Protein backbone atom coordinates (compact mmCIF):
# COMPACT_ATOMS: atom_id res chain seq x y z
CA MET A 1 0.00 0.00 0.00
CA SER A 2 1.51 3.34 -0.96
CA ILE A 3 1.24 6.94 -2.06
CA LEU A 4 1.75 7.35 -5.79
CA LEU A 5 4.61 9.57 -7.02
CA PRO A 6 3.92 9.85 -10.77
CA GLU A 7 6.59 12.52 -11.35
CA LYS A 8 9.35 9.94 -10.91
CA ILE A 9 7.56 7.52 -13.25
CA VAL A 10 7.18 10.16 -15.96
CA ILE A 11 10.85 11.22 -15.73
CA ALA A 12 11.96 7.60 -16.15
CA THR A 13 9.51 7.08 -19.03
CA LEU A 14 10.73 10.15 -20.91
CA ALA A 15 14.37 9.17 -20.44
CA ALA A 16 13.82 5.59 -21.61
CA GLY A 17 11.69 6.71 -24.56
CA LEU A 18 14.17 9.32 -25.75
CA GLU A 19 17.05 6.85 -25.47
CA THR A 20 15.10 4.43 -27.69
CA VAL A 21 14.25 7.14 -30.24
CA LYS A 22 17.84 8.35 -30.46
CA ALA A 23 19.10 4.79 -30.90
CA ASN A 24 16.76 4.25 -33.86
CA THR A 25 16.22 7.50 -35.75
CA SER A 26 13.57 5.87 -37.97
CA TYR A 27 11.19 6.70 -35.12
CA PHE A 28 11.32 10.35 -36.18
CA SER A 29 9.51 9.52 -39.41
CA LYS A 30 6.76 7.98 -37.24
CA ILE A 31 6.57 10.96 -34.89
CA PHE A 32 6.52 13.48 -37.76
CA ASP A 33 4.57 12.59 -40.89
CA GLU A 34 7.09 12.94 -43.71
CA GLU A 35 4.35 13.14 -46.36
CA VAL A 36 2.82 16.14 -44.58
CA MET A 37 5.89 17.91 -43.15
CA GLY A 38 8.35 17.00 -45.88
CA SER A 39 11.61 15.09 -45.72
CA ASP A 40 13.67 18.23 -45.02
CA PHE A 41 11.69 18.98 -41.85
CA VAL A 42 12.00 15.41 -40.56
CA MET A 43 15.74 15.42 -41.32
CA LYS A 44 16.25 18.72 -39.46
CA ALA A 45 14.21 17.49 -36.47
CA THR A 46 16.25 14.28 -36.44
CA ASP A 47 19.54 16.17 -36.63
CA TYR A 48 18.51 18.55 -33.83
CA LEU A 49 17.45 15.88 -31.36
CA SER A 50 20.29 13.52 -32.28
CA GLY A 51 22.86 16.28 -31.89
CA ASN A 52 21.66 17.69 -28.56
CA LYS A 53 21.39 16.25 -25.09
CA VAL A 54 18.00 16.82 -23.49
CA ARG A 55 18.19 17.57 -19.77
CA ILE A 56 15.32 16.02 -17.80
CA SER A 57 14.56 17.28 -14.31
CA GLN A 58 11.74 17.83 -11.83
CA GLY A 59 10.21 21.21 -11.08
CA TYR A 60 9.95 24.67 -12.60
CA GLY A 61 13.63 25.62 -12.52
CA ILE A 62 14.29 26.31 -16.19
CA ASP A 63 18.06 26.81 -16.52
CA ASP A 64 18.93 28.64 -19.73
CA THR A 65 22.44 27.16 -19.62
CA ARG A 66 21.11 23.58 -19.69
CA LEU A 67 18.84 23.51 -22.72
CA PRO A 68 17.08 21.83 -24.42
CA GLY A 69 15.23 20.44 -21.43
CA TRP A 70 12.14 18.68 -20.13
CA TYR A 71 10.93 19.90 -16.74
CA VAL A 72 8.41 17.61 -15.03
CA VAL A 73 6.20 19.70 -12.73
CA PRO A 74 4.86 17.75 -9.70
CA ALA A 75 1.26 16.78 -10.30
CA ASN A 76 -1.92 18.33 -8.97
CA VAL A 77 -3.81 15.63 -7.05
CA SER A 78 -7.54 15.62 -6.31
CA PRO A 79 -9.73 12.82 -4.95
CA SER A 80 -11.86 11.21 -7.62
CA GLU A 81 -13.82 8.60 -5.67
CA ASP A 82 -13.52 6.05 -2.89
CA PHE A 83 -12.22 2.98 -4.63
CA ILE A 84 -11.39 0.16 -2.26
CA GLY A 85 -12.80 1.21 1.14
CA ASP A 86 -12.00 -1.04 4.10
CA TYR A 87 -11.04 -4.65 3.54
CA ILE A 88 -8.92 -7.46 4.97
CA ALA A 89 -5.83 -8.40 2.96
CA GLU A 90 -5.46 -12.10 3.64
CA GLU A 91 -2.06 -12.30 1.98
CA ASP A 92 -0.68 -9.97 4.65
CA THR A 93 -1.96 -12.05 7.56
CA THR A 94 0.66 -13.28 10.04
CA ASP A 95 0.51 -15.39 13.19
CA GLU A 96 0.95 -12.28 15.30
CA ASP A 97 -1.76 -10.43 13.37
CA SER A 98 -4.42 -13.03 12.73
CA ASP A 99 -6.88 -10.48 11.42
CA GLY A 100 -4.54 -9.30 8.68
CA ASP A 101 -3.89 -5.69 7.65
CA VAL A 102 -6.77 -3.33 7.00
CA TYR A 103 -6.40 -0.86 4.14
CA GLU A 104 -8.25 2.10 2.74
CA GLY A 105 -7.70 3.76 -0.61
CA ASN A 106 -8.78 6.50 -2.96
CA LEU A 107 -8.71 6.71 -6.70
CA ASN A 108 -7.29 10.15 -7.42
CA ALA A 109 -7.33 12.37 -10.49
CA TYR A 110 -3.91 13.76 -11.50
CA THR A 111 -2.84 16.61 -13.75
CA LEU A 112 0.88 16.70 -14.51
CA ARG A 113 2.86 19.00 -16.81
CA VAL A 114 6.07 18.40 -18.73
CA ILE A 115 7.59 21.72 -19.81
CA SER A 116 9.66 21.56 -23.01
CA ALA A 117 12.12 24.47 -23.21
CA THR A 118 14.67 25.53 -25.84
CA PRO A 119 16.09 28.83 -27.15
CA ASN A 120 14.11 28.40 -30.39
CA GLY A 121 10.36 28.28 -30.99
CA ASP A 122 10.45 25.55 -33.64
CA ALA A 123 12.86 23.45 -31.60
CA THR A 124 10.54 23.72 -28.60
CA MET A 125 7.60 22.52 -30.69
CA ILE A 126 9.66 19.56 -31.93
CA LEU A 127 10.82 18.68 -28.40
CA GLU A 128 7.27 18.86 -27.04
CA ALA A 129 5.95 16.68 -29.87
CA VAL A 130 8.50 13.99 -29.01
CA ALA A 131 7.52 14.13 -25.32
CA ARG A 132 3.85 13.81 -26.26
CA TYR A 133 4.57 10.88 -28.58
CA ILE A 134 6.58 9.03 -25.90
CA LEU A 135 3.88 9.47 -23.26
CA LEU A 136 1.04 8.52 -25.61
CA SER A 137 2.85 5.41 -26.81
CA ALA A 138 3.59 4.42 -23.19
CA ARG A 139 -0.03 4.55 -21.98
CA GLU A 140 -0.41 0.78 -21.77
CA VAL A 141 2.84 0.36 -19.82
CA LEU A 142 1.99 3.30 -17.54
CA GLY A 143 -1.34 1.66 -16.71
CA GLN A 144 -0.38 -1.99 -16.38
CA THR A 145 3.03 -1.55 -14.76
CA TYR A 146 2.78 1.70 -12.78
CA GLY A 147 -0.92 2.18 -12.10
CA LEU A 148 -1.38 5.41 -14.11
CA ASN A 149 -4.73 4.71 -15.74
CA GLU A 150 -6.91 6.47 -18.31
CA VAL A 151 -3.98 8.59 -19.48
CA ALA A 152 -4.90 11.54 -21.72
CA VAL A 153 -2.17 13.78 -23.16
CA THR A 154 -2.64 17.33 -24.49
CA ALA A 155 -0.45 20.40 -25.06
CA THR A 156 -0.62 24.10 -24.22
CA ASP A 157 0.28 27.15 -26.29
CA LEU A 158 3.85 27.98 -27.24
CA ASP A 159 5.04 30.95 -25.16
CA PRO A 160 8.23 32.94 -24.64
CA VAL A 161 9.64 32.93 -21.11
CA TYR A 162 9.29 36.61 -20.33
CA GLN A 163 12.01 36.91 -17.72
CA TYR A 164 14.59 36.01 -20.37
CA LEU A 165 13.47 38.65 -22.90
CA PRO A 166 14.94 40.10 -25.08
CA GLU A 167 16.91 36.84 -25.15
CA HIS A 168 14.98 34.01 -26.76
CA LEU A 169 13.68 31.16 -24.64
CA PHE A 170 10.48 29.33 -25.50
CA TYR A 171 8.44 26.75 -23.64
CA ARG A 172 5.42 24.57 -24.27
CA SER A 173 3.78 22.21 -21.81
CA THR A 174 2.66 18.65 -22.38
CA VAL A 175 -0.26 18.01 -20.01
CA MET A 176 -1.07 14.53 -18.70
CA ASN A 177 -4.39 13.72 -17.06
CA PHE A 178 -4.76 10.29 -15.48
CA GLN A 179 -6.07 8.38 -12.49
CA GLY A 180 -4.07 6.55 -9.86
CA MET A 181 -4.51 4.81 -6.52
CA ASN A 182 -3.33 6.08 -3.16
CA SER A 183 -3.78 3.63 -0.30
CA TRP A 184 -2.77 3.25 3.31
CA ALA A 185 -2.89 0.81 6.22
CA THR A 186 -5.41 1.51 9.00
CA ASN A 187 -4.65 -1.21 11.54
CA TYR A 188 -2.33 1.17 13.35
CA SER A 189 -1.98 4.93 13.73
CA ILE A 190 1.24 6.76 12.85
CA ILE A 191 0.23 9.62 15.16
CA LYS A 192 -0.54 7.83 18.43
CA ASP A 193 -1.77 10.85 20.40
CA THR A 194 -1.66 14.61 20.52
CA GLU A 195 1.60 14.85 22.45
CA LEU A 196 3.37 16.34 19.41
CA PHE A 197 0.92 19.23 19.28
CA ILE A 198 0.88 19.78 23.04
CA LYS A 199 4.63 20.47 22.83
CA PHE A 200 3.95 23.39 20.52
CA SER A 201 3.67 26.86 22.04
CA PRO A 202 3.28 30.34 20.50
CA ASN A 203 6.85 31.15 21.57
CA GLU A 204 8.31 28.41 19.40
CA THR A 205 9.22 29.16 15.82
CA TYR A 206 9.26 25.52 14.80
CA ILE A 207 8.96 22.01 16.17
CA GLU A 208 12.01 19.76 16.11
CA VAL A 209 11.31 16.07 15.54
């Protein structure tokens, strides 16, 4: 039973997907339709992504010295519905705990953003398209292996990063919406009593634990 941390899963998925794409550049002709965009565009997109390292990190901290980059923003989490309620997990039963462990859980709705950032508007659009392709193609794995279900992937507008103007820096966000389980054991309490809060007084600036 656990609390889901999808940011780490998405970072690993992007890294593994990009490594696969770079190892077999024929993927670029699948990501970008050569009949529509033309062979020159696909070749330039391939050359750009093959010739540049993409830095992948968590958070908003766009570093203009480490571009191109994907920045995975920690997800917004909101409860969707009660999913599993209370139940007895027989597989966790031990001799000392003959009743087994009792769990509760919620199915939660998540919204997570992957910011693609480069010094060039077209390059940012290309980088974002690759991120979107990787995440869309990984939906089955994300669901079956990691518990990210009903994945939907969209993208926002292309914008300049205003604090870097008049220098050029552009970003576009890939937005993932999905559902995932958070669950916890209820046969014991982590906070046993209110002693922790009784120790607090208005004269203290913080509590040391």
